[in-house]
Amino acid sequence: MNVNFQTLAELKGEPATLTLKRFAQLFGKSYLWAYRLAKSGKLKTITGYGCAMVPKTEVLRIINEAKTR
C-alpha cells in the first residue's frame, strides 16, 4: 500500500471521526476503495446514524500496519 506519510501531520487537525470520502482522500484512494474496506470488515466504522464514519484510531492502525510490512 502506498501511504502518504503526511497523513500523520494532517490527522492533527481532523475531528475524532472521518467520513469514508475524507478517509480515502488521506490515502490518495477513491471513495469506492474505502467503501469496500468497510463493507468487507477490514475497516471498522461507526454506522446507524446517517453516514458511515471512521474513527481516527482506525486510520492510525492502518498507517502503522502499512509501515511494518
Protein backbone atom coordinates (compact mmCIF):
# COMPACT_ATOMS: atom_id res chain seq x y z
CA MET A 1 0.00 0.00 0.00
CA ASN A 2 1.31 3.42 -0.91
CA VAL A 3 0.69 5.56 2.17
CA ASN A 4 1.11 9.32 2.11
CA PHE A 5 3.28 9.89 5.20
CA GLN A 6 1.99 13.46 5.52
CA THR A 7 -1.17 11.74 6.75
CA LEU A 8 0.02 11.75 10.37
CA ALA A 9 0.52 15.50 10.33
CA GLU A 10 -2.83 16.02 8.59
CA LEU A 11 -4.63 13.99 11.26
CA LYS A 12 -3.89 16.55 13.97
CA GLY A 13 -6.46 18.92 12.52
CA GLU A 14 -9.07 16.27 11.82
CA PRO A 15 -12.09 15.55 14.02
CA ALA A 16 -12.37 12.30 16.02
CA THR A 17 -14.18 10.60 13.14
CA LEU A 18 -13.83 10.90 9.37
CA THR A 19 -16.23 10.27 6.53
CA LEU A 20 -15.34 7.50 4.11
CA LYS A 21 -14.63 10.15 1.48
CA ARG A 22 -12.13 12.01 3.71
CA PHE A 23 -10.58 8.71 4.81
CA ALA A 24 -9.98 7.77 1.17
CA GLN A 25 -8.51 11.22 0.41
CA LEU A 26 -5.92 10.83 3.17
CA PHE A 27 -4.67 7.66 1.50
CA GLY A 28 -4.89 9.01 -2.05
CA LYS A 29 -7.56 6.49 -2.97
CA SER A 30 -11.14 6.63 -4.19
CA TYR A 31 -14.29 6.58 -2.08
CA LEU A 32 -15.09 3.15 -3.51
CA TRP A 33 -11.83 1.75 -2.04
CA ALA A 34 -12.83 2.95 1.43
CA TYR A 35 -16.39 1.67 0.99
CA ARG A 36 -15.15 -1.79 0.01
CA LEU A 37 -12.80 -1.93 3.02
CA ALA A 38 -15.69 -1.04 5.32
CA LYS A 39 -18.10 -3.46 3.66
CA SER A 40 -15.62 -6.35 3.86
CA GLY A 41 -14.99 -5.72 7.57
CA LYS A 42 -11.33 -4.72 7.14
CA LEU A 43 -12.17 -1.19 8.31
CA LYS A 44 -14.13 -0.55 11.49
CA THR A 45 -16.80 2.10 11.09
CA ILE A 46 -19.47 3.75 13.18
CA THR A 47 -22.83 3.33 11.45
CA GLY A 48 -26.51 3.68 12.19
CA TYR A 49 -26.63 7.47 12.48
CA GLY A 50 -26.68 8.50 8.83
CA CYS A 51 -23.36 8.11 7.04
CA ALA A 52 -20.59 5.70 7.99
CA MET A 53 -17.79 7.32 9.97
CA VAL A 54 -14.25 6.04 10.51
CA PRO A 55 -12.65 6.61 13.93
CA LYS A 56 -9.25 8.32 13.84
CA THR A 57 -7.80 5.32 15.69
CA GLU A 58 -8.59 3.14 12.65
CA VAL A 59 -6.63 5.49 10.40
CA LEU A 60 -3.61 5.27 12.71
CA ARG A 61 -3.94 1.47 12.88
CA ILE A 62 -3.84 1.17 9.11
CA ILE A 63 -0.87 3.52 8.83
CA ASN A 64 1.07 1.58 11.47
CA GLU A 65 0.18 -1.72 9.81
CA ALA A 66 1.42 -0.43 6.45
CA LYS A 67 4.72 0.77 7.95
CA THR A 68 5.52 -2.61 9.49
CA ARG A 69 5.10 -4.59 6.27
